[in-house]
Amino acid sequence: MTDRHAQDGAFCDGFKELEVGPWRVVVSDPFTDGFRLLADAVNFAQCSSAEALGKSDSKSVGRARNTIIQLPGHDVRFQLRPLCHGGVLAPITGKRFAGLDRPLQELRVNAALRKRGAPVAVPAFVVGRRTGFFWEASYATVHIEDARDGAAFLDTGPNLNTLERAAVAAGVAIRDFHELGGWHADLHIKNLLIGGGTPKPEVTIIDLDRARITDEISAGRRMQEIMRLRRSLIKRGYTNALSQSVGRAFMDGYVGHDAELRSQLNARVRAERVRGRAHALFYRAP
């Protein structure tokens, strides 16, 4: 196993690149020694899948199942997400990528937003290997214990009070994300993790694939992301989360006492509803 500190702007400060057989790994410095020990223990250099690093997460659903990993010397666990293409070309492109630029960009954005204090998961590492002309890759963050994605949370049938508390927490988290420069490419209900218990839920924004950091998020862009989140509730049939009181709770959490921002967002509701009707014609569940 060989390694070198990431430099020359290729990755973020505080990460190291490892080569483990055919695998290329970019791992956060605090987790480097643990990853080395795990890679040796499972003979990762000879493995054909990153899933060999841990155990399949039976609770995960979607295009690909996540893997839960325990690194030697660390109390926290890690969640490894295989990277897959979405959209209409997903059945053709699947897990094949031209290189590792996309997951490494996610790593940079994730690390930078976390450093700014945004409500995002702790980035841990990226693993990838070339298979023929293409690459396959997986992305790991620190696993948030006792948290579930927004869809799984809604599937439990929470009462109205619990829904409103979660909506406020989601609004606060997304506002913080935006204020700190976060621009999410695919903000839907399953990309919100809800934990922290009923009295004071905590919301973490996940899956920063194709996310960006920008100096300022316009009111128009903010509303696009909020309405995309709302459409994901409609399309998944979560009518319990679409009541007026839950919607007000979310917006109260998002805008706080900022009357000007509330007015700017309200002015864009009609245009976003038109956009939503157009999206519905071509929708495929995320």
C-alpha atoms as a PDB file:
ATOM      1  CA  MET A   1       0.000   0.000   0.000  1.00  0.00           C
ATOM      2  CA  THR A   2       1.405   3.382  -1.003  1.00  0.00           C
ATOM      3  CA  ASP A   3       0.239   6.817   0.054  1.00  0.00           C
ATOM      4  CA  ARG A   4       0.848  10.523  -0.353  1.00  0.00           C
ATOM      5  CA  HIS A   5      -0.799  13.683   0.919  1.00  0.00           C
ATOM      6  CA  ALA A   6      -3.225  15.258  -1.486  1.00  0.00           C
ATOM      7  CA  GLN A   7      -1.755  18.431  -2.906  1.00  0.00           C
ATOM      8  CA  ASP A   8      -1.683  20.854  -5.848  1.00  0.00           C
ATOM      9  CA  GLY A   9      -5.431  21.466  -5.483  1.00  0.00           C
ATOM     10  CA  ALA A  10      -6.389  17.958  -6.570  1.00  0.00           C
ATOM     11  CA  PHE A  11      -8.166  17.285  -3.278  1.00  0.00           C
ATOM     12  CA  CYS A  12      -8.887  19.127  -0.042  1.00  0.00           C
ATOM     13  CA  ASP A  13      -6.331  19.853   2.618  1.00  0.00           C
ATOM     14  CA  GLY A  14      -6.443  17.182   5.305  1.00  0.00           C
ATOM     15  CA  PHE A  15      -6.869  14.220   2.980  1.00  0.00           C
ATOM     16  CA  LYS A  16      -4.419  11.574   1.876  1.00  0.00           C
ATOM     17  CA  GLU A  17      -4.339   9.443  -1.258  1.00  0.00           C
ATOM     18  CA  LEU A  18      -3.692   5.696  -0.921  1.00  0.00           C
ATOM     19  CA  GLU A  19      -3.158   3.051  -3.562  1.00  0.00           C
ATOM     20  CA  VAL A  20      -4.400  -0.390  -2.520  1.00  0.00           C
ATOM     21  CA  GLY A  21      -3.854  -2.760  -5.419  1.00  0.00           C
ATOM     22  CA  PRO A  22      -6.179  -1.529  -8.186  1.00  0.00           C
ATOM     23  CA  TRP A  23      -8.035   0.734  -5.780  1.00  0.00           C
ATOM     24  CA  ARG A  24      -7.471   4.467  -5.512  1.00  0.00           C
ATOM     25  CA  VAL A  25      -8.508   5.844  -2.121  1.00  0.00           C
ATOM     26  CA  VAL A  26      -8.732   9.440  -0.906  1.00  0.00           C
ATOM     27  CA  VAL A  27      -9.284   9.408   2.853  1.00  0.00           C
ATOM     28  CA  SER A  28      -9.552  12.038   5.588  1.00  0.00           C
ATOM     29  CA  ASP A  29      -6.375  12.182   7.674  1.00  0.00           C
ATOM     30  CA  PRO A  30      -8.047  11.147  10.977  1.00  0.00           C
ATOM     31  CA  PHE A  31      -9.319   7.950   9.348  1.00  0.00           C
ATOM     32  CA  THR A  32      -6.213   7.014   7.350  1.00  0.00           C
ATOM     33  CA  ASP A  33      -4.655   4.582   9.816  1.00  0.00           C
ATOM     34  CA  GLY A  34      -7.989   2.872  10.433  1.00  0.00           C
ATOM     35  CA  PHE A  35      -8.573   2.472   6.712  1.00  0.00           C
ATOM     36  CA  ARG A  36      -5.119   0.947   6.256  1.00  0.00           C
ATOM     37  CA  LEU A  37      -5.793  -1.593   9.001  1.00  0.00           C
ATOM     38  CA  LEU A  38      -9.190  -2.516   7.561  1.00  0.00           C
ATOM     39  CA  ALA A  39      -7.812  -2.794   4.014  1.00  0.00           C
ATOM     40  CA  ASP A  40      -5.135  -5.191   5.241  1.00  0.00           C
ATOM     41  CA  ALA A  41      -7.635  -7.207   7.290  1.00  0.00           C
ATOM     42  CA  VAL A  42      -9.985  -7.838   4.351  1.00  0.00           C
ATOM     43  CA  ASN A  43      -7.174  -8.069   1.758  1.00  0.00           C
ATOM     44  CA  PHE A  44      -8.818  -5.188  -0.085  1.00  0.00           C
ATOM     45  CA  ALA A  45      -6.174  -5.193  -2.827  1.00  0.00           C
ATOM     46  CA  GLN A  46      -7.686  -8.467  -4.061  1.00  0.00           C
ATOM     47  CA  CYS A  47     -11.345  -7.440  -3.699  1.00  0.00           C
ATOM     48  CA  SER A  48     -13.544  -6.725  -6.692  1.00  0.00           C
ATOM     49  CA  SER A  49     -16.093  -4.640  -4.779  1.00  0.00           C
ATOM     50  CA  ALA A  50     -15.890  -1.890  -2.172  1.00  0.00           C
ATOM     51  CA  GLU A  51     -18.688  -3.678  -0.316  1.00  0.00           C
ATOM     52  CA  ALA A  52     -16.015  -6.052   0.995  1.00  0.00           C
ATOM     53  CA  LEU A  53     -15.065  -3.300   3.464  1.00  0.00           C
ATOM     54  CA  GLY A  54     -18.216  -3.803   5.549  1.00  0.00           C
ATOM     55  CA  LYS A  55     -21.723  -5.188   5.770  1.00  0.00           C
ATOM     56  CA  SER A  56     -24.735  -4.310   3.665  1.00  0.00           C
ATOM     57  CA  ASP A  57     -27.114  -1.838   5.281  1.00  0.00           C
ATOM     58  CA  SER A  58     -30.476  -3.613   5.329  1.00  0.00           C
ATOM     59  CA  LYS A  59     -32.286  -0.297   5.892  1.00  0.00           C
ATOM     60  CA  SER A  60     -30.991   1.384   2.753  1.00  0.00           C
ATOM     61  CA  VAL A  61     -33.087   1.487  -0.386  1.00  0.00           C
ATOM     62  CA  GLY A  62     -32.662   3.107  -3.775  1.00  0.00           C
ATOM     63  CA  ARG A  63     -30.516   2.527  -6.830  1.00  0.00           C
ATOM     64  CA  ALA A  64     -27.785   0.772  -4.827  1.00  0.00           C
ATOM     65  CA  ARG A  65     -27.527  -0.573  -1.307  1.00  0.00           C
ATOM     66  CA  ASN A  66     -25.216   1.164   1.139  1.00  0.00           C
ATOM     67  CA  THR A  67     -22.539  -0.576   3.193  1.00  0.00           C
ATOM     68  CA  ILE A  68     -21.865   0.031   6.887  1.00  0.00           C
ATOM     69  CA  ILE A  69     -18.169   0.011   7.790  1.00  0.00           C
ATOM     70  CA  GLN A  70     -16.332  -0.130  11.107  1.00  0.00           C
ATOM     71  CA  LEU A  71     -12.745   1.112  10.958  1.00  0.00           C
ATOM     72  CA  PRO A  72     -10.331  -0.275  13.563  1.00  0.00           C
ATOM     73  CA  GLY A  73      -9.626   2.264  16.292  1.00  0.00           C
ATOM     74  CA  HIS A  74     -12.787   4.328  15.721  1.00  0.00           C
ATOM     75  CA  ASP A  75     -16.012   4.319  17.730  1.00  0.00           C
ATOM     76  CA  VAL A  76     -18.046   5.799  14.877  1.00  0.00           C
ATOM     77  CA  ARG A  77     -19.246   3.770  11.930  1.00  0.00           C
ATOM     78  CA  PHE A  78     -19.150   4.813   8.292  1.00  0.00           C
ATOM     79  CA  GLN A  79     -21.730   4.651   5.527  1.00  0.00           C
ATOM     80  CA  LEU A  80     -20.424   3.765   2.075  1.00  0.00           C
ATOM     81  CA  ARG A  81     -22.638   4.758  -0.856  1.00  0.00           C
ATOM     82  CA  PRO A  82     -21.989   3.285  -4.312  1.00  0.00           C
ATOM     83  CA  LEU A  83     -22.114   6.015  -6.941  1.00  0.00           C
ATOM     84  CA  CYS A  84     -24.710   5.454  -9.640  1.00  0.00           C
ATOM     85  CA  HIS A  85     -26.030   7.571 -12.454  1.00  0.00           C
ATOM     86  CA  GLY A  86     -29.614   8.748 -12.204  1.00  0.00           C
ATOM     87  CA  GLY A  87     -32.100   9.917 -14.795  1.00  0.00           C
ATOM     88  CA  VAL A  88     -33.242   8.293 -18.003  1.00  0.00           C
ATOM     89  CA  LEU A  89     -29.752   7.029 -18.891  1.00  0.00           C
ATOM     90  CA  ALA A  90     -29.301   5.219 -15.569  1.00  0.00           C
ATOM     91  CA  PRO A  91     -30.104   1.753 -16.988  1.00  0.00           C
ATOM     92  CA  ILE A  92     -27.355   2.250 -19.593  1.00  0.00           C
ATOM     93  CA  THR A  93     -24.622   4.048 -17.668  1.00  0.00           C
ATOM     94  CA  GLY A  94     -25.263   2.401 -14.286  1.00  0.00           C
ATOM     95  CA  LYS A  95     -22.181   2.625 -12.059  1.00  0.00           C
ATOM     96  CA  ARG A  96     -19.737   3.466 -14.847  1.00  0.00           C
ATOM     97  CA  PHE A  97     -17.924   6.820 -14.718  1.00  0.00           C
ATOM     98  CA  ALA A  98     -15.226   8.352 -16.922  1.00  0.00           C
ATOM     99  CA  GLY A  99     -13.029   8.980 -13.864  1.00  0.00           C
ATOM    100  CA  LEU A 100     -13.087   9.993 -10.215  1.00  0.00           C
ATOM    101  CA  ASP A 101     -13.571  13.722 -10.775  1.00  0.00           C
ATOM    102  CA  ARG A 102     -17.220  13.617  -9.713  1.00  0.00           C
ATOM    103  CA  PRO A 103     -16.817  11.883  -6.314  1.00  0.00           C
ATOM    104  CA  LEU A 104     -13.672  13.896  -5.569  1.00  0.00           C
ATOM    105  CA  GLN A 105     -15.572  17.104  -6.272  1.00  0.00           C
ATOM    106  CA  GLU A 106     -18.276  15.925  -3.879  1.00  0.00           C
ATOM    107  CA  LEU A 107     -15.547  15.290  -1.306  1.00  0.00           C
ATOM    108  CA  ARG A 108     -14.210  18.830  -1.725  1.00  0.00           C
ATOM    109  CA  VAL A 109     -17.645  20.421  -1.432  1.00  0.00           C
ATOM    110  CA  ASN A 110     -18.654  18.230   1.506  1.00  0.00           C
ATOM    111  CA  ALA A 111     -15.445  19.007   3.416  1.00  0.00           C
ATOM    112  CA  ALA A 112     -15.648  22.747   2.729  1.00  0.00           C
ATOM    113  CA  LEU A 113     -19.289  23.019   3.789  1.00  0.00           C
ATOM    114  CA  ARG A 114     -18.636  20.977   6.916  1.00  0.00           C
ATOM    115  CA  LYS A 115     -15.755  23.299   7.787  1.00  0.00           C
ATOM    116  CA  ARG A 116     -18.079  26.291   7.402  1.00  0.00           C
ATOM    117  CA  GLY A 117     -20.523  24.722   9.856  1.00  0.00           C
ATOM    118  CA  ALA A 118     -23.189  23.544   7.398  1.00  0.00           C
ATOM    119  CA  PRO A 119     -25.514  20.708   8.525  1.00  0.00           C
ATOM    120  CA  VAL A 120     -23.870  18.053   6.336  1.00  0.00           C
ATOM    121  CA  ALA A 121     -22.350  14.666   7.156  1.00  0.00           C
ATOM    122  CA  VAL A 122     -18.665  14.278   8.045  1.00  0.00           C
ATOM    123  CA  PRO A 123     -16.800  13.238   4.856  1.00  0.00           C
ATOM    124  CA  ALA A 124     -14.566  10.187   5.298  1.00  0.00           C
ATOM    125  CA  PHE A 125     -13.213   8.765   2.041  1.00  0.00           C
ATOM    126  CA  VAL A 126     -13.702   7.937  -1.628  1.00  0.00           C
ATOM    127  CA  VAL A 127     -12.705   4.577  -3.093  1.00  0.00           C
ATOM    128  CA  GLY A 128     -12.594   3.827  -6.809  1.00  0.00           C
ATOM    129  CA  ARG A 129     -11.055   1.503  -9.344  1.00  0.00           C
ATOM    130  CA  ARG A 130     -10.835   1.260 -13.091  1.00  0.00           C
ATOM    131  CA  THR A 131     -12.861  -1.481 -14.765  1.00  0.00           C
ATOM    132  CA  GLY A 132     -12.005  -1.568 -18.451  1.00  0.00           C
ATOM    133  CA  PHE A 133     -12.478   1.885 -19.942  1.00  0.00           C
ATOM    134  CA  PHE A 134     -14.495   3.184 -16.995  1.00  0.00           C
ATOM    135  CA  TRP A 135     -14.311   3.713 -13.252  1.00  0.00           C
ATOM    136  CA  GLU A 136     -16.582   2.628 -10.433  1.00  0.00           C
ATOM    137  CA  ALA A 137     -16.538   4.496  -7.127  1.00  0.00           C
ATOM    138  CA  SER A 138     -18.106   4.707  -3.682  1.00  0.00           C
ATOM    139  CA  TYR A 139     -18.356   7.596  -1.241  1.00  0.00           C
ATOM    140  CA  ALA A 140     -18.190   7.308   2.555  1.00  0.00           C
ATOM    141  CA  THR A 141     -19.324   9.609   5.349  1.00  0.00           C
ATOM    142  CA  VAL A 142     -19.525   9.117   9.095  1.00  0.00           C
ATOM    143  CA  HIS A 143     -22.728   7.185   9.799  1.00  0.00           C
ATOM    144  CA  ILE A 144     -25.279   9.154  11.823  1.00  0.00           C
ATOM    145  CA  GLU A 145     -26.661   6.706  14.360  1.00  0.00           C
ATOM    146  CA  ASP A 146     -30.400   6.639  15.070  1.00  0.00           C
ATOM    147  CA  ALA A 147     -31.162   8.868  12.084  1.00  0.00           C
ATOM    148  CA  ARG A 148     -33.347   7.940   9.134  1.00  0.00           C
ATOM    149  CA  ASP A 149     -33.973   9.560   5.808  1.00  0.00           C
ATOM    150  CA  GLY A 150     -37.016  11.755   5.446  1.00  0.00           C
ATOM    151  CA  ALA A 151     -39.042   9.138   3.582  1.00  0.00           C
ATOM    152  CA  ALA A 152     -38.381   6.482   6.237  1.00  0.00           C
ATOM    153  CA  PHE A 153     -39.312   9.032   8.905  1.00  0.00           C
ATOM    154  CA  LEU A 154     -42.632   9.781   7.195  1.00  0.00           C
ATOM    155  CA  ASP A 155     -43.320   6.062   6.757  1.00  0.00           C
ATOM    156  CA  THR A 156     -43.517   5.748  10.565  1.00  0.00           C
ATOM    157  CA  GLY A 157     -46.702   7.828  10.537  1.00  0.00           C
ATOM    158  CA  PRO A 158     -45.616  10.643  12.874  1.00  0.00           C
ATOM    159  CA  ASN A 159     -48.335  12.747  14.481  1.00  0.00           C
ATOM    160  CA  LEU A 160     -48.916  16.360  13.476  1.00  0.00           C
ATOM    161  CA  ASN A 161     -46.846  17.812  16.310  1.00  0.00           C
ATOM    162  CA  THR A 162     -43.873  15.618  15.400  1.00  0.00           C
ATOM    163  CA  LEU A 163     -44.263  16.517  11.721  1.00  0.00           C
ATOM    164  CA  GLU A 164     -44.278  20.229  12.478  1.00  0.00           C
ATOM    165  CA  ARG A 165     -41.172  19.973  14.663  1.00  0.00           C
ATOM    166  CA  ALA A 166     -39.358  18.059  11.931  1.00  0.00           C
ATOM    167  CA  ALA A 167     -40.506  20.597   9.327  1.00  0.00           C
ATOM    168  CA  VAL A 168     -39.102  23.481  11.378  1.00  0.00           C
ATOM    169  CA  ALA A 169     -35.798  21.618  11.792  1.00  0.00           C
ATOM    170  CA  ALA A 170     -35.654  20.917   8.048  1.00  0.00           C
ATOM    171  CA  GLY A 171     -36.318  24.571   7.262  1.00  0.00           C
ATOM    172  CA  VAL A 172     -33.574  25.724   9.633  1.00  0.00           C
ATOM    173  CA  ALA A 173     -31.074  23.197   8.230  1.00  0.00           C
ATOM    174  CA  ILE A 174     -31.739  24.086   4.594  1.00  0.00           C
ATOM    175  CA  ARG A 175     -31.548  27.829   5.372  1.00  0.00           C
ATOM    176  CA  ASP A 176     -28.186  27.283   7.105  1.00  0.00           C
ATOM    177  CA  PHE A 177     -27.000  25.227   4.138  1.00  0.00           C
ATOM    178  CA  HIS A 178     -27.922  28.024   1.740  1.00  0.00           C
ATOM    179  CA  GLU A 179     -26.544  30.823   3.912  1.00  0.00           C
ATOM    180  CA  LEU A 180     -23.191  29.029   4.062  1.00  0.00           C
ATOM    181  CA  GLY A 181     -23.026  28.823   0.269  1.00  0.00           C
ATOM    182  CA  GLY A 182     -24.476  25.362  -0.329  1.00  0.00           C
ATOM    183  CA  TRP A 183     -26.185  24.741  -3.684  1.00  0.00           C
ATOM    184  CA  HIS A 184     -27.774  21.274  -3.760  1.00  0.00           C
ATOM    185  CA  ALA A 185     -28.314  19.597  -7.113  1.00  0.00           C
ATOM    186  CA  ASP A 186     -31.018  17.151  -6.001  1.00  0.00           C
ATOM    187  CA  LEU A 187     -32.767  18.190  -2.797  1.00  0.00           C
ATOM    188  CA  HIS A 188     -35.504  15.611  -2.233  1.00  0.00           C
ATOM    189  CA  ILE A 189     -36.980  14.047   0.891  1.00  0.00           C
ATOM    190  CA  LYS A 190     -34.560  11.091   0.987  1.00  0.00           C
ATOM    191  CA  ASN A 191     -31.607  13.478   1.020  1.00  0.00           C
ATOM    192  CA  LEU A 192     -32.595  14.741   4.460  1.00  0.00           C
ATOM    193  CA  LEU A 193     -31.576  12.672   7.490  1.00  0.00           C
ATOM    194  CA  ILE A 194     -33.752  13.197  10.551  1.00  0.00           C
ATOM    195  CA  GLY A 195     -32.444  12.298  13.990  1.00  0.00           C
ATOM    196  CA  GLY A 196     -32.092  13.730  17.454  1.00  0.00           C
ATOM    197  CA  GLY A 197     -35.433  12.540  18.855  1.00  0.00           C
ATOM    198  CA  THR A 198     -38.932  14.003  18.898  1.00  0.00           C
ATOM    199  CA  PRO A 199     -38.504  17.063  21.189  1.00  0.00           C
ATOM    200  CA  LYS A 200     -35.725  18.567  19.097  1.00  0.00           C
ATOM    201  CA  PRO A 201     -35.090  16.787  15.786  1.00  0.00           C
ATOM    202  CA  GLU A 202     -31.831  17.403  13.962  1.00  0.00           C
ATOM    203  CA  VAL A 203     -31.677  17.430  10.171  1.00  0.00           C
ATOM    204  CA  THR A 204     -28.588  16.638   8.118  1.00  0.00           C
ATOM    205  CA  ILE A 205     -28.396  17.263   4.367  1.00  0.00           C
ATOM    206  CA  ILE A 206     -26.784  14.389   2.477  1.00  0.00           C
ATOM    207  CA  ASP A 207     -25.808  13.275  -1.035  1.00  0.00           C
ATOM    208  CA  LEU A 208     -23.846  16.285  -2.267  1.00  0.00           C
ATOM    209  CA  ASP A 209     -23.169  14.755  -5.677  1.00  0.00           C
ATOM    210  CA  ARG A 210     -22.939  17.684  -8.136  1.00  0.00           C
ATOM    211  CA  ALA A 211     -23.492  20.183  -5.300  1.00  0.00           C
ATOM    212  CA  ARG A 212     -21.636  23.491  -5.417  1.00  0.00           C
ATOM    213  CA  ILE A 213     -20.431  26.248  -3.158  1.00  0.00           C
ATOM    214  CA  THR A 214     -21.224  29.772  -4.249  1.00  0.00           C
ATOM    215  CA  ASP A 215     -20.928  33.233  -2.743  1.00  0.00           C
ATOM    216  CA  GLU A 216     -24.660  33.844  -2.660  1.00  0.00           C
ATOM    217  CA  ILE A 217     -27.782  31.751  -3.264  1.00  0.00           C
ATOM    218  CA  SER A 218     -30.477  33.823  -4.951  1.00  0.00           C
ATOM    219  CA  ALA A 219     -34.072  33.764  -3.754  1.00  0.00           C
ATOM    220  CA  GLY A 220     -35.013  32.135  -7.046  1.00  0.00           C
ATOM    221  CA  ARG A 221     -32.545  29.291  -6.586  1.00  0.00           C
ATOM    222  CA  ARG A 222     -33.608  28.839  -2.959  1.00  0.00           C
ATOM    223  CA  MET A 223     -37.229  28.500  -4.017  1.00  0.00           C
ATOM    224  CA  GLN A 224     -36.325  26.039  -6.764  1.00  0.00           C
ATOM    225  CA  GLU A 225     -34.720  23.755  -4.202  1.00  0.00           C
ATOM    226  CA  ILE A 226     -37.576  24.139  -1.716  1.00  0.00           C
ATOM    227  CA  MET A 227     -40.172  23.350  -4.373  1.00  0.00           C
ATOM    228  CA  ARG A 228     -38.129  20.396  -5.599  1.00  0.00           C
ATOM    229  CA  LEU A 229     -38.296  19.063  -2.053  1.00  0.00           C
ATOM    230  CA  ARG A 230     -42.049  19.649  -2.000  1.00  0.00           C
ATOM    231  CA  ARG A 231     -42.503  17.863  -5.341  1.00  0.00           C
ATOM    232  CA  SER A 232     -40.680  14.843  -3.959  1.00  0.00           C
ATOM    233  CA  LEU A 233     -43.302  14.668  -1.196  1.00  0.00           C
ATOM    234  CA  ILE A 234     -46.144  14.912  -3.701  1.00  0.00           C
ATOM    235  CA  LYS A 235     -44.706  12.287  -6.019  1.00  0.00           C
ATOM    236  CA  ARG A 236     -44.103   9.848  -3.170  1.00  0.00           C
ATOM    237  CA  GLY A 237     -47.603  10.348  -1.828  1.00  0.00           C
ATOM    238  CA  TYR A 238     -46.706  11.854   1.543  1.00  0.00           C
ATOM    239  CA  THR A 239     -49.902  13.848   1.921  1.00  0.00           C
ATOM    240  CA  ASN A 240     -49.419  13.964   5.714  1.00  0.00           C
ATOM    241  CA  ALA A 241     -46.395  16.215   5.161  1.00  0.00           C
ATOM    242  CA  LEU A 242     -48.239  18.555   2.795  1.00  0.00           C
ATOM    243  CA  SER A 243     -50.759  20.126   5.158  1.00  0.00           C
ATOM    244  CA  GLN A 244     -50.814  23.899   5.487  1.00  0.00           C
ATOM    245  CA  SER A 245     -49.585  23.780   9.084  1.00  0.00           C
ATOM    246  CA  VAL A 246     -46.571  21.619   8.186  1.00  0.00           C
ATOM    247  CA  GLY A 247     -45.786  23.882   5.230  1.00  0.00           C
ATOM    248  CA  ARG A 248     -45.980  26.956   7.463  1.00  0.00           C
ATOM    249  CA  ALA A 249     -43.729  25.278  10.023  1.00  0.00           C
ATOM    250  CA  PHE A 250     -41.120  24.593   7.348  1.00  0.00           C
ATOM    251  CA  MET A 251     -41.198  28.152   6.015  1.00  0.00           C
ATOM    252  CA  ASP A 252     -41.089  29.594   9.545  1.00  0.00           C
ATOM    253  CA  GLY A 253     -37.971  27.519  10.169  1.00  0.00           C
ATOM    254  CA  TYR A 254     -36.449  28.598   6.866  1.00  0.00           C
ATOM    255  CA  VAL A 255     -37.089  32.340   6.902  1.00  0.00           C
ATOM    256  CA  GLY A 256     -37.112  32.941  10.671  1.00  0.00           C
ATOM    257  CA  HIS A 257     -37.755  36.661  11.161  1.00  0.00           C
ATOM    258  CA  ASP A 258     -36.511  37.645   7.694  1.00  0.00           C
ATOM    259  CA  ALA A 259     -39.643  39.279   6.259  1.00  0.00           C
ATOM    260  CA  GLU A 260     -37.860  40.396   3.095  1.00  0.00           C
ATOM    261  CA  LEU A 261     -36.751  36.849   2.245  1.00  0.00           C
ATOM    262  CA  ARG A 262     -40.253  35.523   2.927  1.00  0.00           C
ATOM    263  CA  SER A 263     -41.667  38.071   0.492  1.00  0.00           C
ATOM    264  CA  GLN A 264     -39.064  37.202  -2.156  1.00  0.00           C
ATOM    265  CA  LEU A 265     -39.828  33.491  -1.859  1.00  0.00           C
ATOM    266  CA  ASN A 266     -43.605  33.996  -1.936  1.00  0.00           C
ATOM    267  CA  ALA A 267     -43.231  35.997  -5.153  1.00  0.00           C
ATOM    268  CA  ARG A 268     -41.748  32.921  -6.833  1.00  0.00           C
ATOM    269  CA  VAL A 269     -44.312  30.335  -5.767  1.00  0.00           C
ATOM    270  CA  ARG A 270     -46.506  30.606  -8.856  1.00  0.00           C
ATOM    271  CA  ALA A 271     -43.610  30.209 -11.305  1.00  0.00           C
ATOM    272  CA  GLU A 272     -42.305  27.205  -9.388  1.00  0.00           C
ATOM    273  CA  ARG A 273     -45.719  25.547  -9.418  1.00  0.00           C
ATOM    274  CA  VAL A 274     -45.790  25.878 -13.197  1.00  0.00           C
ATOM    275  CA  ARG A 275     -42.321  24.338 -13.316  1.00  0.00           C
ATOM    276  CA  GLY A 276     -43.572  21.537 -11.072  1.00  0.00           C
ATOM    277  CA  ARG A 277     -46.420  20.658 -13.416  1.00  0.00           C
ATOM    278  CA  ALA A 278     -43.952  20.456 -16.295  1.00  0.00           C
ATOM    279  CA  HIS A 279     -41.611  18.207 -14.292  1.00  0.00           C
ATOM    280  CA  ALA A 280     -44.495  15.891 -13.426  1.00  0.00           C
ATOM    281  CA  LEU A 281     -44.856  14.919 -17.079  1.00  0.00           C
ATOM    282  CA  PHE A 282     -41.406  13.312 -17.118  1.00  0.00           C
ATOM    283  CA  TYR A 283     -40.944  12.290 -13.499  1.00  0.00           C
ATOM    284  CA  ARG A 284     -39.280   9.082 -12.367  1.00  0.00           C
ATOM    285  CA  ALA A 285     -39.019   8.543  -8.580  1.00  0.00           C
ATOM    286  CA  PRO A 286     -35.545   9.261  -7.128  1.00  0.00           C
END
